[in-house]
Amino acid sequence: MRKLVALAALAAMTSPVWAATQSVTLSVPGMNCATCPITVKKALTKVSGVSKIDVSLDRREAKVTFDDAKANVEALTRATKDAGFPSTLAEAAK
């Protein structure tokens, strides 16, 4: 029993306490047809830590929610660029 408590305490100390869910809006100006948002969403889905994606062709943007311990804005913009749709951080979503 003491080993179990010690292991639980060790796990709690080594896990990142500062990890949080982040939401950002990416500007994706190159989207210009109905299949573009599908491609962008598929690329973002492959980024580890991404939990929610909402892509709008009309606004030419992607709202992405992700675990900041597993992903970051650079990984998101790299994913869209690698899919043929360069993006930039538009603003932090609220």
N, C-alpha and C. Protein backbone atom coordinates (compact mmCIF):
# COMPACT_ATOMS: atom_id res chain seq x y z
N MET A 1 0.81 -1.19 0.00
CA MET A 1 0.00 0.00 0.00
C MET A 1 0.86 1.26 0.00
N ARG A 2 1.96 1.24 0.75
CA ARG A 2 2.84 2.41 0.80
C ARG A 2 3.48 2.66 -0.56
N LYS A 3 3.80 1.56 -1.27
CA LYS A 3 4.39 1.72 -2.61
C LYS A 3 3.40 2.39 -3.55
N LEU A 4 2.14 2.02 -3.44
CA LEU A 4 1.11 2.61 -4.29
C LEU A 4 0.97 4.10 -4.02
N VAL A 5 0.97 4.48 -2.75
CA VAL A 5 0.87 5.89 -2.38
C VAL A 5 2.10 6.65 -2.87
N ALA A 6 3.26 6.04 -2.72
CA ALA A 6 4.49 6.68 -3.17
C ALA A 6 4.50 6.86 -4.68
N LEU A 7 4.03 5.86 -5.41
CA LEU A 7 3.96 5.97 -6.87
C LEU A 7 2.97 7.04 -7.30
N ALA A 8 1.85 7.12 -6.62
CA ALA A 8 0.85 8.15 -6.95
C ALA A 8 1.41 9.54 -6.68
N ALA A 9 2.13 9.70 -5.59
CA ALA A 9 2.73 10.99 -5.26
C ALA A 9 3.79 11.36 -6.29
N LEU A 10 4.60 10.39 -6.70
CA LEU A 10 5.62 10.64 -7.70
C LEU A 10 4.99 11.03 -9.03
N ALA A 11 3.93 10.35 -9.42
CA ALA A 11 3.24 10.66 -10.67
C ALA A 11 2.66 12.08 -10.63
N ALA A 12 2.12 12.46 -9.51
CA ALA A 12 1.55 13.79 -9.37
C ALA A 12 2.62 14.87 -9.47
N MET A 13 3.80 14.58 -8.94
CA MET A 13 4.89 15.56 -8.97
C MET A 13 5.51 15.67 -10.36
N THR A 14 5.50 14.61 -11.14
CA THR A 14 6.16 14.65 -12.44
C THR A 14 5.23 15.04 -13.58
N SER A 15 3.92 15.00 -13.38
CA SER A 15 3.01 15.39 -14.46
C SER A 15 2.96 16.91 -14.54
N PRO A 16 2.85 17.44 -15.75
CA PRO A 16 2.85 18.90 -15.89
C PRO A 16 1.58 19.52 -15.33
N VAL A 17 1.72 20.29 -14.30
CA VAL A 17 0.60 20.93 -13.64
C VAL A 17 0.13 22.12 -14.47
N TRP A 18 1.00 22.71 -15.23
CA TRP A 18 0.71 23.92 -15.96
C TRP A 18 0.04 23.68 -17.31
N ALA A 19 -0.15 22.43 -17.71
CA ALA A 19 -0.81 22.14 -18.98
C ALA A 19 -2.25 22.61 -18.94
N ALA A 20 -2.69 23.18 -20.04
CA ALA A 20 -4.05 23.70 -20.10
C ALA A 20 -4.60 23.59 -21.52
N THR A 21 -5.89 23.67 -21.61
CA THR A 21 -6.54 23.68 -22.91
C THR A 21 -6.50 25.11 -23.44
N GLN A 22 -6.06 25.25 -24.67
CA GLN A 22 -5.97 26.56 -25.31
C GLN A 22 -6.88 26.58 -26.54
N SER A 23 -7.39 27.72 -26.87
CA SER A 23 -8.16 27.90 -28.10
C SER A 23 -7.57 29.08 -28.85
N VAL A 24 -7.34 28.88 -30.15
CA VAL A 24 -6.80 29.94 -31.00
C VAL A 24 -7.57 29.97 -32.31
N THR A 25 -7.50 31.11 -32.97
CA THR A 25 -8.08 31.25 -34.29
C THR A 25 -6.94 31.46 -35.27
N LEU A 26 -6.92 30.61 -36.30
CA LEU A 26 -5.91 30.73 -37.34
C LEU A 26 -6.54 31.35 -38.58
N SER A 27 -5.86 32.30 -39.17
CA SER A 27 -6.28 32.87 -40.43
C SER A 27 -5.70 31.99 -41.54
N VAL A 28 -6.59 31.51 -42.42
CA VAL A 28 -6.17 30.63 -43.52
C VAL A 28 -6.67 31.25 -44.83
N PRO A 29 -5.98 32.29 -45.33
CA PRO A 29 -6.49 33.04 -46.48
C PRO A 29 -6.53 32.25 -47.79
N GLY A 30 -5.79 31.17 -47.91
CA GLY A 30 -5.73 30.42 -49.15
C GLY A 30 -6.92 29.52 -49.43
N MET A 31 -7.84 29.41 -48.48
CA MET A 31 -9.02 28.56 -48.71
C MET A 31 -9.97 29.28 -49.66
N ASN A 32 -10.33 28.60 -50.77
CA ASN A 32 -11.21 29.27 -51.73
C ASN A 32 -12.23 28.34 -52.38
N CYS A 33 -12.35 27.10 -51.90
CA CYS A 33 -13.35 26.19 -52.46
C CYS A 33 -13.92 25.32 -51.33
N ALA A 34 -14.96 24.58 -51.65
CA ALA A 34 -15.67 23.79 -50.63
C ALA A 34 -14.83 22.67 -50.03
N THR A 35 -13.82 22.18 -50.74
CA THR A 35 -12.99 21.11 -50.20
C THR A 35 -11.82 21.61 -49.36
N CYS A 36 -11.51 22.88 -49.45
CA CYS A 36 -10.38 23.43 -48.68
C CYS A 36 -10.56 23.25 -47.17
N PRO A 37 -11.72 23.58 -46.60
CA PRO A 37 -11.88 23.39 -45.15
C PRO A 37 -11.73 21.93 -44.72
N ILE A 38 -12.13 21.01 -45.59
CA ILE A 38 -11.98 19.59 -45.27
C ILE A 38 -10.51 19.23 -45.16
N THR A 39 -9.71 19.72 -46.10
CA THR A 39 -8.27 19.46 -46.10
C THR A 39 -7.60 20.07 -44.87
N VAL A 40 -7.97 21.31 -44.55
CA VAL A 40 -7.39 21.99 -43.38
C VAL A 40 -7.76 21.24 -42.10
N LYS A 41 -9.03 20.86 -41.97
CA LYS A 41 -9.47 20.14 -40.77
C LYS A 41 -8.75 18.81 -40.64
N LYS A 42 -8.59 18.09 -41.73
CA LYS A 42 -7.90 16.80 -41.70
C LYS A 42 -6.44 16.99 -41.25
N ALA A 43 -5.79 18.02 -41.74
CA ALA A 43 -4.39 18.29 -41.35
C ALA A 43 -4.29 18.61 -39.86
N LEU A 44 -5.21 19.42 -39.36
CA LEU A 44 -5.17 19.80 -37.95
C LEU A 44 -5.52 18.63 -37.04
N THR A 45 -6.37 17.73 -37.51
CA THR A 45 -6.74 16.55 -36.73
C THR A 45 -5.53 15.68 -36.43
N LYS A 46 -4.55 15.70 -37.31
CA LYS A 46 -3.36 14.86 -37.15
C LYS A 46 -2.38 15.40 -36.11
N VAL A 47 -2.57 16.63 -35.65
CA VAL A 47 -1.70 17.22 -34.63
C VAL A 47 -2.10 16.67 -33.27
N SER A 48 -1.14 16.06 -32.59
CA SER A 48 -1.40 15.49 -31.27
C SER A 48 -1.85 16.57 -30.30
N GLY A 49 -2.91 16.29 -29.54
CA GLY A 49 -3.40 17.23 -28.54
C GLY A 49 -4.58 18.07 -28.99
N VAL A 50 -4.88 18.06 -30.30
CA VAL A 50 -6.01 18.83 -30.80
C VAL A 50 -7.30 18.12 -30.43
N SER A 51 -8.24 18.85 -29.84
CA SER A 51 -9.49 18.24 -29.40
C SER A 51 -10.72 18.76 -30.14
N LYS A 52 -10.64 19.95 -30.72
CA LYS A 52 -11.79 20.51 -31.42
C LYS A 52 -11.31 21.42 -32.55
N ILE A 53 -12.00 21.31 -33.70
CA ILE A 53 -11.64 22.13 -34.85
C ILE A 53 -12.93 22.62 -35.51
N ASP A 54 -13.00 23.91 -35.79
CA ASP A 54 -14.12 24.48 -36.52
C ASP A 54 -13.53 25.34 -37.64
N VAL A 55 -13.70 24.89 -38.88
CA VAL A 55 -13.13 25.59 -40.02
C VAL A 55 -14.24 26.28 -40.79
N SER A 56 -14.05 27.57 -41.09
CA SER A 56 -15.04 28.35 -41.83
C SER A 56 -14.44 28.84 -43.14
N LEU A 57 -15.05 28.41 -44.25
CA LEU A 57 -14.62 28.90 -45.56
C LEU A 57 -14.98 30.38 -45.72
N ASP A 58 -16.16 30.76 -45.28
CA ASP A 58 -16.61 32.15 -45.41
C ASP A 58 -15.67 33.13 -44.72
N ARG A 59 -15.23 32.77 -43.51
CA ARG A 59 -14.33 33.65 -42.74
C ARG A 59 -12.86 33.36 -43.03
N ARG A 60 -12.61 32.25 -43.75
CA ARG A 60 -11.23 31.81 -44.04
C ARG A 60 -10.40 31.71 -42.77
N GLU A 61 -10.98 30.95 -41.81
CA GLU A 61 -10.30 30.77 -40.54
C GLU A 61 -10.61 29.40 -39.95
N ALA A 62 -9.75 29.01 -39.03
CA ALA A 62 -9.93 27.75 -38.30
C ALA A 62 -9.79 28.04 -36.82
N LYS A 63 -10.80 27.65 -36.05
CA LYS A 63 -10.74 27.78 -34.60
C LYS A 63 -10.34 26.42 -34.06
N VAL A 64 -9.26 26.38 -33.30
CA VAL A 64 -8.68 25.12 -32.85
C VAL A 64 -8.53 25.14 -31.33
N THR A 65 -8.98 24.06 -30.69
CA THR A 65 -8.80 23.86 -29.26
C THR A 65 -7.83 22.70 -29.09
N PHE A 66 -6.82 22.91 -28.23
CA PHE A 66 -5.78 21.90 -28.08
C PHE A 66 -5.18 21.93 -26.68
N ASP A 67 -4.52 20.84 -26.33
CA ASP A 67 -3.81 20.71 -25.06
C ASP A 67 -2.42 21.31 -25.27
N ASP A 68 -2.11 22.38 -24.55
CA ASP A 68 -0.83 23.06 -24.79
C ASP A 68 0.39 22.29 -24.29
N ALA A 69 0.17 21.17 -23.62
CA ALA A 69 1.30 20.32 -23.25
C ALA A 69 1.69 19.40 -24.41
N LYS A 70 0.79 19.25 -25.38
CA LYS A 70 1.04 18.36 -26.51
C LYS A 70 1.19 19.08 -27.84
N ALA A 71 0.65 20.27 -27.95
CA ALA A 71 0.68 21.01 -29.21
C ALA A 71 0.92 22.49 -28.93
N ASN A 72 1.21 23.22 -30.00
CA ASN A 72 1.37 24.66 -29.89
C ASN A 72 0.98 25.29 -31.23
N VAL A 73 0.95 26.61 -31.27
CA VAL A 73 0.53 27.30 -32.49
C VAL A 73 1.46 26.97 -33.65
N GLU A 74 2.74 26.84 -33.38
CA GLU A 74 3.70 26.50 -34.44
C GLU A 74 3.35 25.16 -35.09
N ALA A 75 2.99 24.17 -34.28
CA ALA A 75 2.62 22.85 -34.83
C ALA A 75 1.34 22.95 -35.66
N LEU A 76 0.40 23.78 -35.22
CA LEU A 76 -0.84 23.95 -35.96
C LEU A 76 -0.60 24.62 -37.31
N THR A 77 0.17 25.71 -37.31
CA THR A 77 0.44 26.42 -38.56
C THR A 77 1.30 25.58 -39.50
N ARG A 78 2.19 24.77 -38.93
CA ARG A 78 3.01 23.87 -39.76
C ARG A 78 2.11 22.83 -40.45
N ALA A 79 1.13 22.32 -39.71
CA ALA A 79 0.23 21.31 -40.27
C ALA A 79 -0.57 21.87 -41.44
N THR A 80 -1.09 23.09 -41.29
CA THR A 80 -1.86 23.67 -42.40
C THR A 80 -0.96 24.00 -43.58
N LYS A 81 0.24 24.48 -43.30
CA LYS A 81 1.20 24.80 -44.38
C LYS A 81 1.57 23.54 -45.14
N ASP A 82 1.85 22.46 -44.41
CA ASP A 82 2.22 21.19 -45.05
C ASP A 82 1.08 20.64 -45.90
N ALA A 83 -0.16 21.03 -45.58
CA ALA A 83 -1.32 20.59 -46.36
C ALA A 83 -1.59 21.53 -47.54
N GLY A 84 -0.77 22.57 -47.67
CA GLY A 84 -0.93 23.50 -48.79
C GLY A 84 -1.70 24.76 -48.46
N PHE A 85 -1.95 24.98 -47.17
CA PHE A 85 -2.72 26.16 -46.74
C PHE A 85 -1.99 26.88 -45.62
N PRO A 86 -1.03 27.74 -45.95
CA PRO A 86 -0.33 28.49 -44.91
C PRO A 86 -1.31 29.28 -44.05
N SER A 87 -1.04 29.31 -42.75
CA SER A 87 -1.92 30.03 -41.83
C SER A 87 -1.09 30.84 -40.84
N THR A 88 -1.75 31.79 -40.22
CA THR A 88 -1.12 32.59 -39.17
C THR A 88 -2.10 32.73 -38.02
N LEU A 89 -1.58 33.05 -36.87
CA LEU A 89 -2.41 33.26 -35.69
C LEU A 89 -3.22 34.55 -35.89
N ALA A 90 -4.53 34.42 -35.88
CA ALA A 90 -5.40 35.59 -36.06
C ALA A 90 -5.63 36.27 -34.72
N GLU A 91 -6.02 35.48 -33.71
CA GLU A 91 -6.29 36.03 -32.39
C GLU A 91 -6.54 34.87 -31.45
N ALA A 92 -6.40 35.11 -30.19
CA ALA A 92 -6.75 34.07 -29.20
C ALA A 92 -8.26 34.04 -29.07
N ALA A 93 -8.84 32.85 -29.20
CA ALA A 93 -10.30 32.72 -29.07
C ALA A 93 -10.68 32.84 -27.61
N LYS A 94 -11.88 33.31 -27.36
CA LYS A 94 -12.33 33.48 -25.97
C LYS A 94 -13.27 32.39 -25.58
